[in-house]
C-alpha atoms as a PDB file:
ATOM      1  CA  MET A   1     -34.315   2.699 -13.953  1.00  0.00           C
ATOM      2  CA  THR A   2     -31.683   5.157 -13.268  1.00  0.00           C
ATOM      3  CA  LEU A   3     -30.387   5.021  -9.609  1.00  0.00           C
ATOM      4  CA  ASN A   4     -29.581   8.431  -7.598  1.00  0.00           C
ATOM      5  CA  ALA A   5     -26.111   7.454  -5.900  1.00  0.00           C
ATOM      6  CA  THR A   6     -26.729   9.810  -3.088  1.00  0.00           C
ATOM      7  CA  LEU A   7     -30.186   8.118  -2.261  1.00  0.00           C
ATOM      8  CA  VAL A   8     -28.543   4.630  -2.586  1.00  0.00           C
ATOM      9  CA  ARG A   9     -25.461   5.549  -0.220  1.00  0.00           C
ATOM     10  CA  THR A  10     -28.279   7.108   2.364  1.00  0.00           C
ATOM     11  CA  HIS A  11     -30.019   3.961   2.341  1.00  0.00           C
ATOM     12  CA  ALA A  12     -26.715   1.672   2.566  1.00  0.00           C
ATOM     13  CA  GLN A  13     -25.723   3.232   5.600  1.00  0.00           C
ATOM     14  CA  GLY A  14     -25.908   0.790   8.693  1.00  0.00           C
ATOM     15  CA  ARG A  15     -26.920  -2.209   6.187  1.00  0.00           C
ATOM     16  CA  TRP A  16     -23.557  -2.477   4.593  1.00  0.00           C
ATOM     17  CA  ILE A  17     -22.912  -5.945   6.447  1.00  0.00           C
ATOM     18  CA  GLY A  18     -26.084  -7.368   5.032  1.00  0.00           C
ATOM     19  CA  ILE A  19     -24.953  -5.960   1.379  1.00  0.00           C
ATOM     20  CA  LEU A  20     -21.472  -7.179   1.317  1.00  0.00           C
ATOM     21  CA  HIS A  21     -22.403 -10.438   2.836  1.00  0.00           C
ATOM     22  CA  HIS A  22     -25.058 -11.225   0.152  1.00  0.00           C
ATOM     23  CA  TRP A  23     -22.800 -10.152  -2.709  1.00  0.00           C
ATOM     24  CA  VAL A  24     -19.438 -11.753  -1.426  1.00  0.00           C
ATOM     25  CA  PRO A  25     -19.988 -14.460   0.641  1.00  0.00           C
ATOM     26  CA  ALA A  26     -16.257 -14.869   1.039  1.00  0.00           C
ATOM     27  CA  LEU A  27     -16.189 -11.847   3.211  1.00  0.00           C
ATOM     28  CA  GLU A  28     -18.478 -13.620   6.044  1.00  0.00           C
ATOM     29  CA  PRO A  29     -15.357 -14.331   8.267  1.00  0.00           C
ATOM     30  CA  ALA A  30     -14.163 -10.625   7.929  1.00  0.00           C
ATOM     31  CA  LEU A  31     -17.735  -9.362   8.515  1.00  0.00           C
ATOM     32  CA  LYS A  32     -17.803 -11.524  11.915  1.00  0.00           C
ATOM     33  CA  ARG A  33     -14.841  -9.888  13.111  1.00  0.00           C
ATOM     34  CA  PRO A  34     -14.974  -5.781  12.163  1.00  0.00           C
ATOM     35  CA  GLY A  35     -11.534  -4.094  12.837  1.00  0.00           C
ATOM     36  CA  ARG A  36      -9.355  -7.419  13.049  1.00  0.00           C
ATOM     37  CA  HIS A  37      -7.082  -8.806  10.670  1.00  0.00           C
ATOM     38  CA  GLY A  38      -7.961 -12.304   8.617  1.00  0.00           C
ATOM     39  CA  ALA A  39      -7.765 -14.077   5.096  1.00  0.00           C
ATOM     40  CA  CYS A  40      -7.895 -11.598   2.145  1.00  0.00           C
ATOM     41  CA  PRO A  41     -10.773 -12.512   0.244  1.00  0.00           C
ATOM     42  CA  MET A  42      -8.482 -11.704  -2.954  1.00  0.00           C
ATOM     43  CA  HIS A  43      -5.216 -13.018  -1.813  1.00  0.00           C
ATOM     44  CA  GLY A  44      -5.748 -15.549   0.609  1.00  0.00           C
ATOM     45  CA  GLY A  45      -3.558 -15.990   3.502  1.00  0.00           C
ATOM     46  CA  SER A  46      -4.288 -15.628   7.144  1.00  0.00           C
ATOM     47  CA  ASP A  47      -4.101 -11.732   8.290  1.00  0.00           C
ATOM     48  CA  GLY A  48      -3.814  -9.840   5.173  1.00  0.00           C
ATOM     49  CA  PHE A  49      -7.089  -8.347   5.244  1.00  0.00           C
ATOM     50  CA  ARG A  50      -9.534  -6.439   7.450  1.00  0.00           C
ATOM     51  CA  LEU A  51     -13.094  -4.513   7.432  1.00  0.00           C
ATOM     52  CA  PHE A  52     -13.186  -1.216   9.116  1.00  0.00           C
ATOM     53  CA  ARG A  53     -14.974  -1.178  12.910  1.00  0.00           C
ATOM     54  CA  ASP A  54     -17.655   1.000  11.162  1.00  0.00           C
ATOM     55  CA  VAL A  55     -18.180  -1.661   8.374  1.00  0.00           C
ATOM     56  CA  ALA A  56     -21.899  -1.733   8.964  1.00  0.00           C
ATOM     57  CA  HIS A  57     -22.092   2.234   8.320  1.00  0.00           C
ATOM     58  CA  THR A  58     -19.261   2.993   5.808  1.00  0.00           C
ATOM     59  CA  GLY A  59     -18.677  -0.727   4.000  1.00  0.00           C
ATOM     60  CA  GLY A  60     -15.032   0.060   3.946  1.00  0.00           C
ATOM     61  CA  GLY A  61     -12.300  -2.217   4.627  1.00  0.00           C
ATOM     62  CA  ILE A  62      -8.162  -2.799   3.855  1.00  0.00           C
ATOM     63  CA  CYS A  63      -6.057  -5.098   2.262  1.00  0.00           C
ATOM     64  CA  ASN A  64      -2.478  -5.136   3.021  1.00  0.00           C
ATOM     65  CA  SER A  65      -1.628  -5.608  -0.570  1.00  0.00           C
ATOM     66  CA  CYS A  66      -3.839  -3.357  -2.213  1.00  0.00           C
ATOM     67  CA  GLY A  67      -4.634  -0.627   0.246  1.00  0.00           C
ATOM     68  CA  ALA A  68      -7.662   0.792   1.499  1.00  0.00           C
ATOM     69  CA  PHE A  69     -11.156   1.118   0.419  1.00  0.00           C
ATOM     70  CA  PRO A  70     -13.331   3.757   1.905  1.00  0.00           C
ATOM     71  CA  ASP A  71     -16.583   2.534   1.359  1.00  0.00           C
ATOM     72  CA  GLY A  72     -18.868  -0.347   0.196  1.00  0.00           C
ATOM     73  CA  PHE A  73     -18.924   0.832  -3.311  1.00  0.00           C
ATOM     74  CA  ALA A  74     -15.176   0.570  -3.686  1.00  0.00           C
ATOM     75  CA  LEU A  75     -14.909  -2.614  -1.765  1.00  0.00           C
ATOM     76  CA  LEU A  76     -17.052  -3.950  -4.087  1.00  0.00           C
ATOM     77  CA  ARG A  77     -15.722  -3.086  -6.979  1.00  0.00           C
ATOM     78  CA  TRP A  78     -12.257  -4.430  -5.845  1.00  0.00           C
ATOM     79  CA  LEU A  79     -13.653  -7.567  -5.310  1.00  0.00           C
ATOM     80  CA  THR A  80     -15.859  -8.099  -8.368  1.00  0.00           C
ATOM     81  CA  GLY A  81     -14.336  -5.767 -11.063  1.00  0.00           C
ATOM     82  CA  TRP A  82     -17.748  -4.021 -11.382  1.00  0.00           C
ATOM     83  CA  THR A  83     -17.807  -0.368 -12.499  1.00  0.00           C
ATOM     84  CA  PHE A  84     -19.563   1.983 -10.387  1.00  0.00           C
ATOM     85  CA  PRO A  85     -22.778   2.127 -11.959  1.00  0.00           C
ATOM     86  CA  ALA A  86     -22.825  -1.832 -11.884  1.00  0.00           C
ATOM     87  CA  ALA A  87     -21.989  -1.579  -8.051  1.00  0.00           C
ATOM     88  CA  LEU A  88     -24.513   0.830  -7.670  1.00  0.00           C
ATOM     89  CA  GLU A  89     -27.244  -1.052  -8.977  1.00  0.00           C
ATOM     90  CA  ALA A  90     -26.188  -4.325  -6.945  1.00  0.00           C
ATOM     91  CA  VAL A  91     -26.399  -2.306  -3.793  1.00  0.00           C
ATOM     92  CA  GLY A  92     -29.680  -0.645  -5.034  1.00  0.00           C
ATOM     93  CA  ALA A  93     -30.777  -4.278  -5.743  1.00  0.00           C
ATOM     94  CA  SER A  94     -30.127  -5.525  -2.111  1.00  0.00           C
ATOM     95  CA  LEU A  95     -31.993  -2.537  -0.635  1.00  0.00           C
ATOM     96  CA  GLY A  96     -34.895  -3.170  -2.735  1.00  0.00           C
ATOM     97  CA  LEU A  97     -34.679  -0.159  -4.939  1.00  0.00           C
ATOM     98  CA  THR A  98     -34.343  -1.692  -8.159  1.00  0.00           C
ATOM     99  CA  GLU A  99     -36.054  -4.715 -10.182  1.00  0.00           C
ATOM    100  CA  HIS A 100     -33.062  -6.865  -9.818  1.00  0.00           C
ATOM    101  CA  ALA A 101     -33.369  -7.881  -6.619  1.00  0.00           C
ATOM    102  CA  ASP A 102     -33.234 -11.585  -7.165  1.00  0.00           C
ATOM    103  CA  ARG A 103     -29.471 -11.469  -9.088  1.00  0.00           C
ATOM    104  CA  GLN A 104     -27.294 -14.104  -7.462  1.00  0.00           C
ATOM    105  CA  PRO A 105     -24.092 -13.343  -5.310  1.00  0.00           C
ATOM    106  CA  ILE A 106     -20.880 -13.664  -6.870  1.00  0.00           C
ATOM    107  CA  ARG A 107     -17.182 -14.624  -5.933  1.00  0.00           C
ATOM    108  CA  PRO A 108     -14.383 -12.181  -6.099  1.00  0.00           C
ATOM    109  CA  MET A 109     -12.895 -11.805  -9.414  1.00  0.00           C
ATOM    110  CA  GLY A 110      -9.159 -12.163  -7.632  1.00  0.00           C
ATOM    111  CA  VAL A 111      -7.261 -15.572  -7.430  1.00  0.00           C
ATOM    112  CA  HIS A 112      -9.330 -16.905  -4.254  1.00  0.00           C
ATOM    113  CA  PRO A 113      -9.832 -19.263  -3.114  1.00  0.00           C
ATOM    114  CA  MET A 114      -6.862 -20.825  -5.580  1.00  0.00           C
ATOM    115  CA  MET A 115      -4.373 -18.660  -4.067  1.00  0.00           C
ATOM    116  CA  ASN A 116      -3.556 -21.161  -1.400  1.00  0.00           C
ATOM    117  CA  THR A 117      -2.755 -23.706  -4.266  1.00  0.00           C
ATOM    118  CA  GLU A 118       0.751 -24.602  -5.438  1.00  0.00           C
ATOM    119  CA  ARG A 119      -0.276 -23.307  -8.879  1.00  0.00           C
ATOM    120  CA  SER A 120      -1.465 -20.102  -8.215  1.00  0.00           C
ATOM    121  CA  VAL A 121       1.633 -19.414  -6.188  1.00  0.00           C
ATOM    122  CA  ASP A 122       3.856 -20.324  -8.872  1.00  0.00           C
ATOM    123  CA  VAL A 123       2.085 -17.949 -11.341  1.00  0.00           C
ATOM    124  CA  CYS A 124       2.610 -15.042  -9.048  1.00  0.00           C
ATOM    125  CA  ARG A 125       6.314 -16.172  -8.320  1.00  0.00           C
ATOM    126  CA  GLN A 126       6.921 -16.336 -12.073  1.00  0.00           C
ATOM    127  CA  ALA A 127       5.305 -12.771 -12.662  1.00  0.00           C
ATOM    128  CA  LEU A 128       7.556 -11.548 -10.077  1.00  0.00           C
ATOM    129  CA  ARG A 129      10.253 -13.022 -11.490  1.00  0.00           C
ATOM    130  CA  SER A 130       9.636 -11.776 -15.034  1.00  0.00           C
ATOM    131  CA  THR A 131       9.201  -8.164 -14.070  1.00  0.00           C
ATOM    132  CA  TRP A 132      12.284  -8.142 -12.127  1.00  0.00           C
ATOM    133  CA  GLY A 133      14.054  -9.654 -14.994  1.00  0.00           C
ATOM    134  CA  GLU A 134      13.118  -7.159 -17.268  1.00  0.00           C
ATOM    135  CA  SER A 135      14.362  -4.200 -14.674  1.00  0.00           C
ATOM    136  CA  LEU A 136      17.644  -2.349 -14.844  1.00  0.00           C
ATOM    137  CA  ALA A 137      20.019  -1.309 -12.072  1.00  0.00           C
ATOM    138  CA  PRO A 138      19.536   2.083 -10.628  1.00  0.00           C
ATOM    139  CA  THR A 139      22.956   3.331 -12.173  1.00  0.00           C
ATOM    140  CA  ASP A 140      22.100   2.258 -15.620  1.00  0.00           C
ATOM    141  CA  PRO A 141      22.033   5.388 -17.868  1.00  0.00           C
ATOM    142  CA  ALA A 142      18.669   3.985 -19.071  1.00  0.00           C
ATOM    143  CA  ALA A 143      17.298   4.854 -15.455  1.00  0.00           C
ATOM    144  CA  TRP A 144      17.761   8.492 -15.902  1.00  0.00           C
ATOM    145  CA  PRO A 145      13.686   8.843 -15.259  1.00  0.00           C
ATOM    146  CA  LEU A 146      14.238   7.319 -11.799  1.00  0.00           C
ATOM    147  CA  TRP A 147      17.214   9.722 -10.928  1.00  0.00           C
ATOM    148  CA  ARG A 148      15.061  12.637 -11.817  1.00  0.00           C
ATOM    149  CA  TYR A 149      11.989  11.313  -9.710  1.00  0.00           C
ATOM    150  CA  LEU A 150      14.217  10.971  -6.470  1.00  0.00           C
ATOM    151  CA  GLU A 151      15.809  14.217  -7.378  1.00  0.00           C
ATOM    152  CA  HIS A 152      12.386  16.059  -7.463  1.00  0.00           C
ATOM    153  CA  ARG A 153      11.429  14.244  -4.122  1.00  0.00           C
ATOM    154  CA  GLY A 154      14.597  15.727  -2.682  1.00  0.00           C
ATOM    155  CA  VAL A 155      16.252  12.517  -2.200  1.00  0.00           C
ATOM    156  CA  GLY A 156      18.350  12.553  -5.314  1.00  0.00           C
ATOM    157  CA  PRO A 157      21.721  12.009  -3.183  1.00  0.00           C
ATOM    158  CA  SER A 158      20.330   8.539  -2.237  1.00  0.00           C
ATOM    159  CA  LEU A 159      20.803   7.104  -5.333  1.00  0.00           C
ATOM    160  CA  ALA A 160      24.216   6.142  -4.495  1.00  0.00           C
ATOM    161  CA  TRP A 161      22.876   4.312  -1.446  1.00  0.00           C
ATOM    162  CA  LEU A 162      20.075   2.071  -3.652  1.00  0.00           C
ATOM    163  CA  ASP A 163      21.133  -1.724  -3.575  1.00  0.00           C
ATOM    164  CA  PRO A 164      20.463  -3.187  -7.216  1.00  0.00           C
ATOM    165  CA  ARG A 165      19.277  -6.105  -4.964  1.00  0.00           C
ATOM    166  CA  VAL A 166      16.551  -4.277  -3.481  1.00  0.00           C
ATOM    167  CA  VAL A 167      15.443  -1.429  -5.692  1.00  0.00           C
ATOM    168  CA  ARG A 168      15.556  -1.433  -9.673  1.00  0.00           C
ATOM    169  CA  PHE A 169      14.337   0.551 -12.547  1.00  0.00           C
ATOM    170  CA  HIS A 170      11.813  -0.802 -15.386  1.00  0.00           C
ATOM    171  CA  PRO A 171      11.725   1.416 -18.550  1.00  0.00           C
ATOM    172  CA  HIS A 172       8.289   0.137 -19.841  1.00  0.00           C
ATOM    173  CA  LEU A 173       5.981  -1.376 -17.311  1.00  0.00           C
ATOM    174  CA  ALA A 174       2.406  -2.040 -17.929  1.00  0.00           C
ATOM    175  CA  TYR A 175      -0.121  -0.453 -15.679  1.00  0.00           C
ATOM    176  CA  TYR A 176      -3.370  -2.202 -14.860  1.00  0.00           C
ATOM    177  CA  GLU A 177      -6.274  -0.567 -13.948  1.00  0.00           C
ATOM    178  CA  ASN A 178      -9.580  -3.183 -13.165  1.00  0.00           C
ATOM    179  CA  GLY A 179      -7.743  -6.047 -14.708  1.00  0.00           C
ATOM    180  CA  ARG A 180      -7.076  -3.870 -18.091  1.00  0.00           C
ATOM    181  CA  ALA A 181      -3.455  -2.626 -19.106  1.00  0.00           C
ATOM    182  CA  THR A 182      -4.098   0.936 -19.920  1.00  0.00           C
ATOM    183  CA  GLY A 183      -0.743   2.197 -20.731  1.00  0.00           C
ATOM    184  CA  HIS A 184       2.995   1.733 -20.000  1.00  0.00           C
ATOM    185  CA  TYR A 185       5.275   3.509 -17.816  1.00  0.00           C
ATOM    186  CA  PRO A 186       8.697   3.899 -16.341  1.00  0.00           C
ATOM    187  CA  ALA A 187       8.917   2.561 -12.834  1.00  0.00           C
ATOM    188  CA  MET A 188      10.770   2.278  -9.700  1.00  0.00           C
ATOM    189  CA  LEU A 189      10.707  -1.459  -8.579  1.00  0.00           C
ATOM    190  CA  ALA A 190      11.336  -2.463  -4.808  1.00  0.00           C
ATOM    191  CA  ARG A 191      11.583  -5.835  -3.434  1.00  0.00           C
ATOM    192  CA  VAL A 192       9.033  -6.252  -0.317  1.00  0.00           C
ATOM    193  CA  SER A 193      10.614  -9.060   2.163  1.00  0.00           C
ATOM    194  CA  ASP A 194       9.038 -10.933   5.115  1.00  0.00           C
ATOM    195  CA  PRO A 195      10.510 -10.595   8.482  1.00  0.00           C
ATOM    196  CA  HIS A 196      12.878 -13.611   7.568  1.00  0.00           C
ATOM    197  CA  GLY A 197      14.371 -11.765   4.564  1.00  0.00           C
ATOM    198  CA  LYS A 198      12.259 -13.645   2.202  1.00  0.00           C
ATOM    199  CA  ALA A 199      10.981 -11.786  -0.614  1.00  0.00           C
ATOM    200  CA  VAL A 200       7.521 -12.081  -0.867  1.00  0.00           C
ATOM    201  CA  THR A 201       6.360  -9.586  -3.655  1.00  0.00           C
ATOM    202  CA  LEU A 202       7.309  -6.334  -5.570  1.00  0.00           C
ATOM    203  CA  HIS A 203       6.314  -2.946  -5.020  1.00  0.00           C
ATOM    204  CA  ARG A 204       5.913  -0.687  -7.944  1.00  0.00           C
ATOM    205  CA  THR A 205       6.213   3.425  -8.107  1.00  0.00           C
ATOM    206  CA  TYR A 206       4.621   4.174 -11.707  1.00  0.00           C
ATOM    207  CA  LEU A 207       6.798   7.507 -12.902  1.00  0.00           C
ATOM    208  CA  HIS A 208       5.863  10.301 -15.385  1.00  0.00           C
ATOM    209  CA  ARG A 209       7.644   9.438 -18.671  1.00  0.00           C
ATOM    210  CA  ASN A 210       9.727  12.662 -18.034  1.00  0.00           C
ATOM    211  CA  GLY A 211      10.541  11.321 -14.551  1.00  0.00           C
ATOM    212  CA  ALA A 212       9.856  14.581 -12.775  1.00  0.00           C
ATOM    213  CA  TRP A 213       6.863  13.065 -10.960  1.00  0.00           C
ATOM    214  CA  LYS A 214       4.688   9.850 -10.474  1.00  0.00           C
ATOM    215  CA  ALA A 215       2.458   8.798 -13.394  1.00  0.00           C
ATOM    216  CA  THR A 216      -0.596  10.696 -13.639  1.00  0.00           C
ATOM    217  CA  VAL A 217      -2.870   7.176 -12.959  1.00  0.00           C
ATOM    218  CA  PRO A 218      -5.236   6.354 -10.459  1.00  0.00           C
ATOM    219  CA  SER A 219      -2.945   4.542  -8.328  1.00  0.00           C
ATOM    220  CA  PRO A 220       0.865   5.370  -8.973  1.00  0.00           C
ATOM    221  CA  LYS A 221       2.064   3.121  -6.297  1.00  0.00           C
ATOM    222  CA  LYS A 222       0.957  -0.574  -6.371  1.00  0.00           C
ATOM    223  CA  LEU A 223       1.940  -3.874  -4.950  1.00  0.00           C
ATOM    224  CA  MET A 224       2.252  -7.295  -7.075  1.00  0.00           C
ATOM    225  CA  PRO A 225       0.246 -10.036  -5.522  1.00  0.00           C
ATOM    226  CA  PRO A 226       2.512 -11.586  -3.224  1.00  0.00           C
ATOM    227  CA  VAL A 227       3.448 -15.069  -2.846  1.00  0.00           C
ATOM    228  CA  ALA A 228       3.120 -15.266   1.092  1.00  0.00           C
ATOM    229  CA  SER A 229       2.057 -12.911   3.960  1.00  0.00           C
ATOM    230  CA  MET A 230       3.923  -9.559   4.225  1.00  0.00           C
ATOM    231  CA  THR A 231       2.909  -8.986   7.750  1.00  0.00           C
ATOM    232  CA  GLY A 232       5.968  -7.838   9.944  1.00  0.00           C
ATOM    233  CA  GLY A 233       8.016  -7.135   6.595  1.00  0.00           C
ATOM    234  CA  ALA A 234       9.633  -4.140   4.591  1.00  0.00           C
ATOM    235  CA  ILE A 235      11.658  -3.074   1.643  1.00  0.00           C
ATOM    236  CA  HIS A 236      15.316  -3.555   3.177  1.00  0.00           C
ATOM    237  CA  LEU A 237      16.906  -0.168   1.798  1.00  0.00           C
ATOM    238  CA  ALA A 238      20.011  -0.478   3.724  1.00  0.00           C
ATOM    239  CA  SER A 239      22.062  -2.888   5.867  1.00  0.00           C
ATOM    240  CA  VAL A 240      21.448  -2.775   9.677  1.00  0.00           C
ATOM    241  CA  ASP A 241      23.135  -3.254  12.770  1.00  0.00           C
ATOM    242  CA  ALA A 242      22.022  -2.622  16.368  1.00  0.00           C
ATOM    243  CA  GLU A 243      20.145   0.552  15.022  1.00  0.00           C
ATOM    244  CA  MET A 244      17.886   1.494  12.299  1.00  0.00           C
ATOM    245  CA  GLY A 245      14.751   3.283  11.401  1.00  0.00           C
ATOM    246  CA  VAL A 246      11.688   2.320   9.612  1.00  0.00           C
ATOM    247  CA  ALA A 247       9.200   4.808   7.756  1.00  0.00           C
ATOM    248  CA  GLU A 248       5.963   3.718   5.626  1.00  0.00           C
ATOM    249  CA  GLY A 249       7.320   4.906   1.988  1.00  0.00           C
ATOM    250  CA  ILE A 250      10.624   4.427   0.150  1.00  0.00           C
ATOM    251  CA  GLU A 251      10.958   8.152  -0.429  1.00  0.00           C
ATOM    252  CA  THR A 252      10.425   8.904   3.094  1.00  0.00           C
ATOM    253  CA  ALA A 253      12.727   6.266   4.075  1.00  0.00           C
ATOM    254  CA  LEU A 254      15.448   7.456   1.727  1.00  0.00           C
ATOM    255  CA  ALA A 255      14.421  11.250   3.481  1.00  0.00           C
ATOM    256  CA  ALA A 256      15.075   9.806   6.762  1.00  0.00           C
ATOM    257  CA  ARG A 257      18.507   8.833   6.108  1.00  0.00           C
ATOM    258  CA  CYS A 258      19.333  11.873   4.098  1.00  0.00           C
ATOM    259  CA  LEU A 259      18.662  13.790   7.472  1.00  0.00           C
ATOM    260  CA  SER A 260      20.025  11.343  10.034  1.00  0.00           C
ATOM    261  CA  GLY A 261      22.597   9.093   8.564  1.00  0.00           C
ATOM    262  CA  GLN A 262      20.587   5.829   9.754  1.00  0.00           C
ATOM    263  CA  PRO A 263      19.776   2.965   7.672  1.00  0.00           C
ATOM    264  CA  VAL A 264      16.304   3.154   7.342  1.00  0.00           C
ATOM    265  CA  TRP A 265      13.738   0.751   5.822  1.00  0.00           C
ATOM    266  CA  ALA A 266      10.443   1.186   4.461  1.00  0.00           C
ATOM    267  CA  ALA A 267       7.313  -0.637   5.498  1.00  0.00           C
ATOM    268  CA  VAL A 268       5.136   0.340   2.735  1.00  0.00           C
ATOM    269  CA  SER A 269       2.106   1.595   4.287  1.00  0.00           C
ATOM    270  CA  ALA A 270       0.687   2.693   7.625  1.00  0.00           C
ATOM    271  CA  THR A 271      -0.785  -0.624   8.039  1.00  0.00           C
ATOM    272  CA  LEU A 272       2.151  -2.778   7.370  1.00  0.00           C
ATOM    273  CA  LEU A 273       4.237  -0.284   9.642  1.00  0.00           C
ATOM    274  CA  GLU A 274       2.073  -1.248  12.511  1.00  0.00           C
ATOM    275  CA  THR A 275       3.262  -4.791  12.150  1.00  0.00           C
ATOM    276  CA  PHE A 276       6.920  -4.147  11.446  1.00  0.00           C
ATOM    277  CA  GLU A 277       9.213  -6.539  13.148  1.00  0.00           C
ATOM    278  CA  PRO A 278      12.935  -5.594  13.241  1.00  0.00           C
ATOM    279  CA  PRO A 279      15.752  -8.372  12.604  1.00  0.00           C
ATOM    280  CA  ALA A 280      17.145 -10.196  15.201  1.00  0.00           C
ATOM    281  CA  GLY A 281      19.757  -8.110  16.848  1.00  0.00           C
ATOM    282  CA  VAL A 282      18.339  -4.589  16.473  1.00  0.00           C
ATOM    283  CA  ARG A 283      18.053  -2.859  19.963  1.00  0.00           C
ATOM    284  CA  GLN A 284      17.048   0.776  18.847  1.00  0.00           C
ATOM    285  CA  VAL A 285      14.531   1.785  16.177  1.00  0.00           C
ATOM    286  CA  THR A 286      13.679   5.312  15.157  1.00  0.00           C
ATOM    287  CA  ILE A 287       9.761   5.325  13.534  1.00  0.00           C
ATOM    288  CA  TRP A 288      10.053   8.168  10.874  1.00  0.00           C
ATOM    289  CA  ALA A 289       6.331   8.761  11.147  1.00  0.00           C
ATOM    290  CA  ASP A 290       3.987  10.614   8.557  1.00  0.00           C
ATOM    291  CA  LEU A 291       2.053  13.678   9.713  1.00  0.00           C
ATOM    292  CA  ASP A 292      -1.591  13.041   8.597  1.00  0.00           C
ATOM    293  CA  ARG A 293      -4.721  15.053   8.619  1.00  0.00           C
ATOM    294  CA  SER A 294      -6.403  11.326   9.506  1.00  0.00           C
ATOM    295  CA  GLU A 295      -3.558  10.810  12.038  1.00  0.00           C
ATOM    296  CA  THR A 296      -3.441   7.584  10.650  1.00  0.00           C
ATOM    297  CA  GLY A 297       0.750   7.986  10.564  1.00  0.00           C
ATOM    298  CA  GLU A 298       0.753   8.912  14.061  1.00  0.00           C
ATOM    299  CA  LYS A 299      -1.642   6.185  15.123  1.00  0.00           C
ATOM    300  CA  ALA A 300       0.588   3.302  13.267  1.00  0.00           C
ATOM    301  CA  ALA A 301       3.802   4.716  14.801  1.00  0.00           C
ATOM    302  CA  ALA A 302       2.162   4.588  18.156  1.00  0.00           C
ATOM    303  CA  ALA A 303       1.220   1.058  17.882  1.00  0.00           C
ATOM    304  CA  LEU A 304       4.297   0.080  16.536  1.00  0.00           C
ATOM    305  CA  ARG A 305       6.349   1.802  19.337  1.00  0.00           C
ATOM    306  CA  GLN A 306       4.170   0.149  22.128  1.00  0.00           C
ATOM    307  CA  ARG A 307       5.136  -3.323  20.480  1.00  0.00           C
ATOM    308  CA  LEU A 308       8.237  -2.890  20.093  1.00  0.00           C
ATOM    309  CA  VAL A 309       8.893  -1.151  23.709  1.00  0.00           C
ATOM    310  CA  GLN A 310       7.310  -4.483  25.208  1.00  0.00           C
ATOM    311  CA  ALA A 311       9.718  -6.280  23.252  1.00  0.00           C
ATOM    312  CA  GLY A 312      12.658  -4.617  24.990  1.00  0.00           C
ATOM    313  CA  ILE A 313      13.647  -2.508  22.035  1.00  0.00           C
ATOM    314  CA  GLU A 314      14.218   1.222  22.595  1.00  0.00           C
ATOM    315  CA  THR A 315      12.120   3.020  20.262  1.00  0.00           C
ATOM    316  CA  LEU A 316      11.912   6.789  19.519  1.00  0.00           C
ATOM    317  CA  VAL A 317       9.101   8.371  17.359  1.00  0.00           C
ATOM    318  CA  ARG A 318       9.889  11.249  14.948  1.00  0.00           C
ATOM    319  CA  MET A 319       7.455  13.297  13.183  1.00  0.00           C
ATOM    320  CA  PRO A 320       7.267  16.391  10.857  1.00  0.00           C
ATOM    321  CA  SER A 321       6.175  19.348  12.739  1.00  0.00           C
ATOM    322  CA  GLY A 322       3.858  20.728  10.012  1.00  0.00           C
ATOM    323  CA  PRO A 323       1.887  22.675   9.497  1.00  0.00           C
ATOM    324  CA  ILE A 324       0.139  20.485   6.770  1.00  0.00           C
ATOM    325  CA  PRO A 325      -0.343  22.834   3.845  1.00  0.00           C
ATOM    326  CA  MET A 326      -3.833  23.586   3.075  1.00  0.00           C
ATOM    327  CA  ASP A 327      -4.043  21.609  -0.128  1.00  0.00           C
ATOM    328  CA  GLU A 328      -2.085  18.509   1.144  1.00  0.00           C
ATOM    329  CA  LYS A 329      -3.416  15.556   3.169  1.00  0.00           C
ATOM    330  CA  GLY A 330      -0.079  15.495   5.125  1.00  0.00           C
ATOM    331  CA  VAL A 331       3.412  16.016   5.332  1.00  0.00           C
ATOM    332  CA  ASP A 332       6.308  13.338   5.360  1.00  0.00           C
ATOM    333  CA  TRP A 333       9.959  13.490   5.785  1.00  0.00           C
ATOM    334  CA  ALA A 334      10.812  13.612   1.932  1.00  0.00           C
ATOM    335  CA  ASP A 335       8.506  16.965   1.962  1.00  0.00           C
ATOM    336  CA  VAL A 336      10.770  17.942   4.879  1.00  0.00           C
ATOM    337  CA  VAL A 337      13.980  17.351   2.993  1.00  0.00           C
ATOM    338  CA  HIS A 338      12.928  18.948  -0.258  1.00  0.00           C
ATOM    339  CA  SER A 339      11.523  22.125   1.649  1.00  0.00           C
ATOM    340  CA  LEU A 340      15.004  22.320   3.223  1.00  0.00           C
ATOM    341  CA  GLN A 341      16.551  22.241  -0.143  1.00  0.00           C
ATOM    342  CA  HIS A 342      14.677  25.159  -1.553  1.00  0.00           C
ATOM    343  CA  ARG A 343      15.351  27.131   1.387  1.00  0.00           C
ATOM    344  CA  ARG A 344      19.040  26.412   1.018  1.00  0.00           C
ATOM    345  CA  ALA A 345      18.860  27.446  -2.605  1.00  0.00           C
ATOM    346  CA  ALA A 346      17.025  30.570  -1.940  1.00  0.00           C
ATOM    347  CA  ALA A 347      19.388  31.794   0.732  1.00  0.00           C
END
């Protein structure tokens, strides 16, 4: 029987907690505490995952490493490796809409629960070392796709600032989707460190082969599986003293530095921006927030500001003035710099 996706979605609304628990029992702790951080069913740890507060209605959640999954179908596909039709059939079965309602629940296809074992961490660490070892310094002549990409984003002058111990270029990095390598692309690599400065994973930005823009793949920005919690961490793009800035993305952080001259770190995502912990000795932090239609960037910046102020750190939030173009989800500081450069060139 062919299931109607709209019908299944309609029937699933308000019932996602039971559906998710049936197919992925490892989600039980998170299902008991919607909206609160806890262990990730894929990566382990203690606080790298949360389900949305409205999980019963949407079925969605977010992983600090892999990003957001807006609904139960996306979440199930991430956890199980199912195609959409397979996830649709499973949800339909839970709702009694198919003849396969007796199918057995499964465990996530990721490394859970082995992620907590020494062997699994060693495997992840070796993958990180191997990828980093295959990379080149940003100033290497072969890294020209990276130069072109940064120039296209309006932050080309920041190439001289890139620390090869933090940001590098990979000329031919495999891209994986649903566990399968679907191609190889040039990529910008960035080392993500925890609040103590210890490297925990790599951020990958896959680039088009001509370097003019990001690769045309479903997720051009990805994190490798971390060897420890990323909570509070960031990409340390510059040395800092008593004053620093923090933004979500690498390009946004570099743009903020272009505008202000201030050393700015990248927190990778809005979720990690909320948990960011500046290093000891920092007394002033500027949060270079994204302007999103969803207000995600604004809310993350506000939450971080409140926490830093309570810790006695002088904090300023800066956000692009907008407006947001009709065909865009938001505006970041890289967009602002790019726009300024176009206006100057046209003048």
